């Protein structure tokens, strides 16, 4: 009697264990599915974050470029305005220079003449403080970017193409030419030009021969 009860108990326990094992399988599969869904959602969220970050970085770069472009245009406008203003002041300095060049020696010690020199000095100081510099001409070779030739002359001691003298001073502001220097330029003596022409003709004849 006891043995039958034991057998029945063992059978029931075995049956309950099989049912329990069978019940855990759907639960495990459901947990795997939920974990995969969470992983998919995480990947999608990370993709959105990367997309938003890329868009934000692009917008920030575009805005930075816009600010730089605006600042560049603003500085260019300021420089252009300064150049126009400085260019208008140059004739005033020219008038002072011409007046001082023809000033009689008997007047150079008068007080009012000293006042004129002081005004000219202040004008030059203002131009210098704004970055305006005179264009060098003495001993320089003619450069059409900075110089404007008004005459070509034979001049002893000057090689062809070099500046003999300055008629009107030119000025630059940064890399911008406010006004080119008006200059006299040396040219080769007539005898030298004729000799070079004869040599050129001779070379052409030899080539034809």
C-alpha atoms as a PDB file:
ATOM      1  CA  UNK A   1       0.000   0.000   0.000  1.00  0.00           C
ATOM      2  CA  UNK A   2       2.796   2.328   0.826  1.00  0.00           C
ATOM      3  CA  UNK A   3       4.631   1.449  -2.363  1.00  0.00           C
ATOM      4  CA  UNK A   4       1.687   2.353  -4.538  1.00  0.00           C
ATOM      5  CA  UNK A   5       1.358   5.750  -2.879  1.00  0.00           C
ATOM      6  CA  UNK A   6       5.055   6.420  -3.400  1.00  0.00           C
ATOM      7  CA  UNK A   7       4.823   5.532  -7.060  1.00  0.00           C
ATOM      8  CA  UNK A   8       1.841   7.750  -7.509  1.00  0.00           C
ATOM      9  CA  UNK A   9       3.632  10.657  -5.781  1.00  0.00           C
ATOM     10  CA  UNK A  10       6.713  10.227  -7.940  1.00  0.00           C
ATOM     11  CA  UNK A  11       4.596  10.133 -11.089  1.00  0.00           C
ATOM     12  CA  UNK A  12       2.738  13.261 -10.106  1.00  0.00           C
ATOM     13  CA  UNK A  13       5.990  15.075  -9.308  1.00  0.00           C
ATOM     14  CA  UNK A  14       7.481  14.008 -12.605  1.00  0.00           C
ATOM     15  CA  UNK A  15       4.401  15.196 -14.423  1.00  0.00           C
ATOM     16  CA  UNK A  16       4.460  18.549 -12.670  1.00  0.00           C
ATOM     17  CA  UNK A  17       8.176  18.977 -13.565  1.00  0.00           C
ATOM     18  CA  UNK A  18       7.514  18.324 -17.231  1.00  0.00           C
ATOM     19  CA  UNK A  19       4.689  20.830 -17.175  1.00  0.00           C
ATOM     20  CA  UNK A  20       6.945  23.411 -15.511  1.00  0.00           C
ATOM     21  CA  UNK A  21       9.688  22.892 -18.059  1.00  0.00           C
ATOM     22  CA  UNK A  22       7.180  23.184 -20.831  1.00  0.00           C
ATOM     23  CA  UNK A  23       5.813  26.411 -19.345  1.00  0.00           C
ATOM     24  CA  UNK A  24       9.266  28.109 -19.207  1.00  0.00           C
ATOM     25  CA  UNK A  25       9.982  27.685 -22.910  1.00  0.00           C
ATOM     26  CA  UNK A  26       7.411  30.291 -24.124  1.00  0.00           C
ATOM     27  CA  UNK A  27       8.523  32.671 -21.377  1.00  0.00           C
ATOM     28  CA  UNK A  28      12.187  32.435 -22.516  1.00  0.00           C
ATOM     29  CA  UNK A  29      11.250  32.959 -26.140  1.00  0.00           C
ATOM     30  CA  UNK A  30       9.131  35.966 -25.183  1.00  0.00           C
ATOM     31  CA  UNK A  31      12.079  37.462 -23.243  1.00  0.00           C
ATOM     32  CA  UNK A  32      14.369  37.034 -26.282  1.00  0.00           C
ATOM     33  CA  UNK A  33      11.842  38.785 -28.505  1.00  0.00           C
ATOM     34  CA  UNK A  34      11.530  41.708 -26.085  1.00  0.00           C
ATOM     35  CA  UNK A  35      15.343  42.036 -25.870  1.00  0.00           C
ATOM     36  CA  UNK A  36      15.606  42.092 -29.667  1.00  0.00           C
ATOM     37  CA  UNK A  37      12.887  44.743 -29.867  1.00  0.00           C
ATOM     38  CA  UNK A  38      14.786  46.862 -27.323  1.00  0.00           C
ATOM     39  CA  UNK A  39      17.980  46.456 -29.349  1.00  0.00           C
ATOM     40  CA  UNK A  40      16.196  47.475 -32.532  1.00  0.00           C
ATOM     41  CA  UNK A  41      14.678  50.501 -30.826  1.00  0.00           C
ATOM     42  CA  UNK A  42      18.106  51.453 -29.437  1.00  0.00           C
ATOM     43  CA  UNK A  43      19.703  51.191 -32.891  1.00  0.00           C
ATOM     44  CA  UNK A  44      16.912  53.285 -34.404  1.00  0.00           C
ATOM     45  CA  UNK A  45      17.293  55.905 -31.676  1.00  0.00           C
ATOM     46  CA  UNK A  46      21.062  56.001 -32.193  1.00  0.00           C
ATOM     47  CA  UNK A  47      20.530  56.427 -35.942  1.00  0.00           C
ATOM     48  CA  UNK A  48      18.186  59.357 -35.286  1.00  0.00           C
ATOM     49  CA  UNK A  49      20.687  60.893 -32.879  1.00  0.00           C
ATOM     50  CA  UNK A  50      23.474  60.591 -35.457  1.00  0.00           C
ATOM     51  CA  UNK A  51      21.221  62.118 -38.105  1.00  0.00           C
ATOM     52  CA  UNK A  52      20.223  65.017 -35.863  1.00  0.00           C
ATOM     53  CA  UNK A  53      23.852  65.561 -34.809  1.00  0.00           C
ATOM     54  CA  UNK A  54      24.994  65.629 -38.416  1.00  0.00           C
ATOM     55  CA  UNK A  55      22.269  68.103 -39.306  1.00  0.00           C
ATOM     56  CA  UNK A  56      23.168  70.297 -36.333  1.00  0.00           C
ATOM     57  CA  UNK A  57      26.864  70.247 -37.243  1.00  0.00           C
ATOM     58  CA  UNK A  58      26.049  71.169 -40.846  1.00  0.00           C
ATOM     59  CA  UNK A  59      23.832  74.026 -39.699  1.00  0.00           C
ATOM     60  CA  UNK A  60      26.503  75.242 -37.297  1.00  0.00           C
ATOM     61  CA  UNK A  61      29.164  75.135 -40.032  1.00  0.00           C
ATOM     62  CA  UNK A  62      26.872  76.987 -42.447  1.00  0.00           C
ATOM     63  CA  UNK A  63      26.150  79.655 -39.842  1.00  0.00           C
ATOM     64  CA  UNK A  64      29.854  80.018 -39.036  1.00  0.00           C
ATOM     65  CA  UNK A  65      30.646  80.460 -42.738  1.00  0.00           C
ATOM     66  CA  UNK A  66      27.847  83.004 -43.014  1.00  0.00           C
ATOM     67  CA  UNK A  67      29.254  84.998 -40.085  1.00  0.00           C
ATOM     68  CA  UNK A  68      32.744  84.921 -41.594  1.00  0.00           C
ATOM     69  CA  UNK A  69      31.390  86.031 -44.967  1.00  0.00           C
ATOM     70  CA  UNK A  70      29.408  88.846 -43.365  1.00  0.00           C
ATOM     71  CA  UNK A  71      32.445  89.960 -41.368  1.00  0.00           C
ATOM     72  CA  UNK A  72      34.594  89.887 -44.504  1.00  0.00           C
ATOM     73  CA  UNK A  73      32.071  91.952 -46.426  1.00  0.00           C
ATOM     74  CA  UNK A  74      31.818  94.414 -43.533  1.00  0.00           C
ATOM     75  CA  UNK A  75      35.589  94.853 -43.378  1.00  0.00           C
ATOM     76  CA  UNK A  76      35.716  95.248 -47.135  1.00  0.00           C
ATOM     77  CA  UNK A  77      33.100  97.988 -46.978  1.00  0.00           C
ATOM     78  CA  UNK A  78      35.044  99.747 -44.225  1.00  0.00           C
ATOM     79  CA  UNK A  79      38.277  99.524 -46.206  1.00  0.00           C
ATOM     80  CA  UNK A  80      36.558 100.810 -49.320  1.00  0.00           C
ATOM     81  CA  UNK A  81      35.082 103.739 -47.389  1.00  0.00           C
ATOM     82  CA  UNK A  82      38.467 104.497 -45.832  1.00  0.00           C
ATOM     83  CA  UNK A  83      40.144 104.316 -49.229  1.00  0.00           C
ATOM     84  CA  UNK A  84      37.641 106.781 -50.696  1.00  0.00           C
ATOM     85  CA  UNK A  85      38.079 109.172 -47.770  1.00  0.00           C
ATOM     86  CA  UNK A  86      41.884 108.943 -47.825  1.00  0.00           C
ATOM     87  CA  UNK A  87      41.955 109.456 -51.600  1.00  0.00           C
ATOM     88  CA  UNK A  88      40.010 112.705 -51.197  1.00  0.00           C
ATOM     89  CA  UNK A  89      42.570 113.992 -48.695  1.00  0.00           C
ATOM     90  CA  UNK A  90      45.558 113.474 -50.993  1.00  0.00           C
ATOM     91  CA  UNK A  91      45.094 116.676 -53.071  1.00  0.00           C
ATOM     92  CA  UNK A  92      45.209 118.710 -49.862  1.00  0.00           C
ATOM     93  CA  UNK A  93      48.658 117.319 -49.144  1.00  0.00           C
ATOM     94  CA  UNK A  94      49.678 118.034 -52.743  1.00  0.00           C
ATOM     95  CA  UNK A  95      48.700 121.689 -52.302  1.00  0.00           C
ATOM     96  CA  UNK A  96      50.822 121.929 -49.161  1.00  0.00           C
ATOM     97  CA  UNK A  97      53.805 120.357 -50.914  1.00  0.00           C
ATOM     98  CA  UNK A  98      53.553 122.755 -53.876  1.00  0.00           C
ATOM     99  CA  UNK A  99      53.217 125.732 -51.545  1.00  0.00           C
ATOM    100  CA  UNK A 100      56.266 124.725 -49.518  1.00  0.00           C
ATOM    101  CA  UNK A 101      58.289 124.049 -52.666  1.00  0.00           C
ATOM    102  CA  UNK A 102      57.769 127.640 -53.857  1.00  0.00           C
ATOM    103  CA  UNK A 103      57.986 129.270 -50.426  1.00  0.00           C
ATOM    104  CA  UNK A 104      60.475 132.175 -50.411  1.00  0.00           C
ATOM    105  CA  UNK A 105      63.392 131.702 -48.049  1.00  0.00           C
ATOM    106  CA  UNK A 106      62.572 134.969 -46.289  1.00  0.00           C
ATOM    107  CA  UNK A 107      59.250 133.550 -45.079  1.00  0.00           C
ATOM    108  CA  UNK A 108      60.289 130.147 -43.792  1.00  0.00           C
ATOM    109  CA  UNK A 109      60.870 131.418 -40.247  1.00  0.00           C
ATOM    110  CA  UNK A 110      57.535 133.163 -39.811  1.00  0.00           C
ATOM    111  CA  UNK A 111      55.129 131.823 -37.212  1.00  0.00           C
ATOM    112  CA  UNK A 112      52.213 131.315 -39.564  1.00  0.00           C
ATOM    113  CA  UNK A 113      54.477 129.346 -41.904  1.00  0.00           C
ATOM    114  CA  UNK A 114      55.410 127.104 -38.984  1.00  0.00           C
ATOM    115  CA  UNK A 115      51.673 126.659 -38.406  1.00  0.00           C
ATOM    116  CA  UNK A 116      51.230 125.482 -41.995  1.00  0.00           C
ATOM    117  CA  UNK A 117      54.045 122.984 -41.581  1.00  0.00           C
ATOM    118  CA  UNK A 118      52.373 121.711 -38.418  1.00  0.00           C
ATOM    119  CA  UNK A 119      49.057 121.245 -40.236  1.00  0.00           C
ATOM    120  CA  UNK A 120      50.809 119.322 -43.011  1.00  0.00           C
ATOM    121  CA  UNK A 121      52.558 117.168 -40.420  1.00  0.00           C
ATOM    122  CA  UNK A 122      49.221 116.353 -38.753  1.00  0.00           C
ATOM    123  CA  UNK A 123      47.667 115.487 -42.104  1.00  0.00           C
ATOM    124  CA  UNK A 124      50.537 113.098 -42.859  1.00  0.00           C
ATOM    125  CA  UNK A 125      50.150 111.578 -39.384  1.00  0.00           C
ATOM    126  CA  UNK A 126      46.447 110.917 -40.010  1.00  0.00           C
ATOM    127  CA  UNK A 127      47.190 109.245 -43.342  1.00  0.00           C
ATOM    128  CA  UNK A 128      49.917 107.129 -41.755  1.00  0.00           C
ATOM    129  CA  UNK A 129      47.665 106.066 -38.865  1.00  0.00           C
ATOM    130  CA  UNK A 130      45.086 104.821 -41.390  1.00  0.00           C
ATOM    131  CA  UNK A 131      47.704 102.698 -43.131  1.00  0.00           C
ATOM    132  CA  UNK A 132      48.349 105.029 -46.089  1.00  0.00           C
ATOM    133  CA  UNK A 133      51.951 104.863 -47.325  1.00  0.00           C
ATOM    134  CA  UNK A 134      53.742 106.703 -50.127  1.00  0.00           C
ATOM    135  CA  UNK A 135      54.862 104.697 -53.152  1.00  0.00           C
ATOM    136  CA  UNK A 136      58.633 104.518 -53.526  1.00  0.00           C
ATOM    137  CA  UNK A 137      60.019 105.909 -56.766  1.00  0.00           C
ATOM    138  CA  UNK A 138      63.626 106.912 -56.167  1.00  0.00           C
ATOM    139  CA  UNK A 139      65.952 104.398 -57.789  1.00  0.00           C
ATOM    140  CA  UNK A 140      63.014 102.134 -58.632  1.00  0.00           C
ATOM    141  CA  UNK A 141      62.229 100.458 -61.924  1.00  0.00           C
ATOM    142  CA  UNK A 142      59.018 101.562 -63.580  1.00  0.00           C
ATOM    143  CA  UNK A 143      56.087  99.392 -62.541  1.00  0.00           C
ATOM    144  CA  UNK A 144      52.743 100.115 -64.246  1.00  0.00           C
ATOM    145  CA  UNK A 145      50.902  98.828 -61.180  1.00  0.00           C
ATOM    146  CA  UNK A 146      52.292 101.596 -58.979  1.00  0.00           C
ATOM    147  CA  UNK A 147      53.588 104.189 -61.436  1.00  0.00           C
ATOM    148  CA  UNK A 148      52.159 106.193 -64.311  1.00  0.00           C
ATOM    149  CA  UNK A 149      54.685 107.494 -66.838  1.00  0.00           C
ATOM    150  CA  UNK A 150      54.141 111.016 -68.124  1.00  0.00           C
ATOM    151  CA  UNK A 151      57.383 111.210 -70.161  1.00  0.00           C
ATOM    152  CA  UNK A 152      60.108 108.910 -71.457  1.00  0.00           C
ATOM    153  CA  UNK A 153      63.445 110.709 -71.608  1.00  0.00           C
ATOM    154  CA  UNK A 154      67.075 109.997 -72.268  1.00  0.00           C
ATOM    155  CA  UNK A 155      68.904 110.487 -68.986  1.00  0.00           C
ATOM    156  CA  UNK A 156      72.572 109.989 -68.292  1.00  0.00           C
ATOM    157  CA  UNK A 157      73.227 107.638 -65.418  1.00  0.00           C
ATOM    158  CA  UNK A 158      69.822 105.948 -65.655  1.00  0.00           C
ATOM    159  CA  UNK A 159      69.200 102.579 -67.249  1.00  0.00           C
ATOM    160  CA  UNK A 160      66.246 102.190 -69.566  1.00  0.00           C
ATOM    161  CA  UNK A 161      62.996 101.648 -67.695  1.00  0.00           C
ATOM    162  CA  UNK A 162      64.130 103.259 -64.454  1.00  0.00           C
ATOM    163  CA  UNK A 163      62.450 106.275 -62.882  1.00  0.00           C
ATOM    164  CA  UNK A 164      64.218 109.595 -63.380  1.00  0.00           C
ATOM    165  CA  UNK A 165      62.006 111.728 -61.189  1.00  0.00           C
ATOM    166  CA  UNK A 166      58.652 111.993 -59.457  1.00  0.00           C
ATOM    167  CA  UNK A 167      56.111 114.565 -60.609  1.00  0.00           C
ATOM    168  CA  UNK A 168      53.332 113.628 -58.188  1.00  0.00           C
ATOM    169  CA  UNK A 169      53.583 111.277 -55.244  1.00  0.00           C
ATOM    170  CA  UNK A 170      51.466 108.152 -55.236  1.00  0.00           C
ATOM    171  CA  UNK A 171      50.010 106.305 -52.260  1.00  0.00           C
ATOM    172  CA  UNK A 172      48.875 102.815 -51.293  1.00  0.00           C
ATOM    173  CA  UNK A 173      46.470 101.607 -48.607  1.00  0.00           C
ATOM    174  CA  UNK A 174      47.318  98.032 -47.712  1.00  0.00           C
ATOM    175  CA  UNK A 175      47.549  96.295 -51.076  1.00  0.00           C
ATOM    176  CA  UNK A 176      45.247  98.826 -52.768  1.00  0.00           C
ATOM    177  CA  UNK A 177      46.703 101.613 -54.900  1.00  0.00           C
ATOM    178  CA  UNK A 178      44.977 104.849 -53.912  1.00  0.00           C
ATOM    179  CA  UNK A 179      46.804 106.830 -56.565  1.00  0.00           C
ATOM    180  CA  UNK A 180      49.745 105.849 -58.792  1.00  0.00           C
ATOM    181  CA  UNK A 181      52.877 107.983 -58.774  1.00  0.00           C
ATOM    182  CA  UNK A 182      53.312 110.248 -61.794  1.00  0.00           C
ATOM    183  CA  UNK A 183      56.908 109.749 -62.913  1.00  0.00           C
ATOM    184  CA  UNK A 184      59.451 110.441 -65.627  1.00  0.00           C
ATOM    185  CA  UNK A 185      61.034 107.306 -67.029  1.00  0.00           C
ATOM    186  CA  UNK A 186      64.427 106.824 -68.643  1.00  0.00           C
ATOM    187  CA  UNK A 187      64.672 105.476 -72.167  1.00  0.00           C
ATOM    188  CA  UNK A 188      67.695 104.192 -74.039  1.00  0.00           C
ATOM    189  CA  UNK A 189      69.772 106.803 -75.928  1.00  0.00           C
ATOM    190  CA  UNK A 190      69.024 107.161 -79.633  1.00  0.00           C
ATOM    191  CA  UNK A 191      72.400 105.709 -80.613  1.00  0.00           C
ATOM    192  CA  UNK A 192      71.736 102.622 -78.494  1.00  0.00           C
ATOM    193  CA  UNK A 193      68.282 102.133 -79.998  1.00  0.00           C
ATOM    194  CA  UNK A 194      69.675 102.492 -83.548  1.00  0.00           C
ATOM    195  CA  UNK A 195      72.444 100.027 -82.765  1.00  0.00           C
ATOM    196  CA  UNK A 196      69.976  97.527 -81.371  1.00  0.00           C
ATOM    197  CA  UNK A 197      67.759  97.974 -84.430  1.00  0.00           C
ATOM    198  CA  UNK A 198      70.716  97.395 -86.788  1.00  0.00           C
ATOM    199  CA  UNK A 199      71.716  94.272 -84.867  1.00  0.00           C
ATOM    200  CA  UNK A 200      68.177  93.009 -85.096  1.00  0.00           C
ATOM    201  CA  UNK A 201      68.087  93.577 -88.854  1.00  0.00           C
ATOM    202  CA  UNK A 202      71.420  91.803 -89.239  1.00  0.00           C
ATOM    203  CA  UNK A 203      70.164  88.806 -87.273  1.00  0.00           C
ATOM    204  CA  UNK A 204      67.067  88.627 -89.494  1.00  0.00           C
ATOM    205  CA  UNK A 205      69.209  88.717 -92.656  1.00  0.00           C
ATOM    206  CA  UNK A 206      71.410  85.928 -91.334  1.00  0.00           C
ATOM    207  CA  UNK A 207      68.322  83.920 -90.546  1.00  0.00           C
ATOM    208  CA  UNK A 208      66.938  84.441 -94.040  1.00  0.00           C
ATOM    209  CA  UNK A 209      70.315  83.485 -95.563  1.00  0.00           C
END
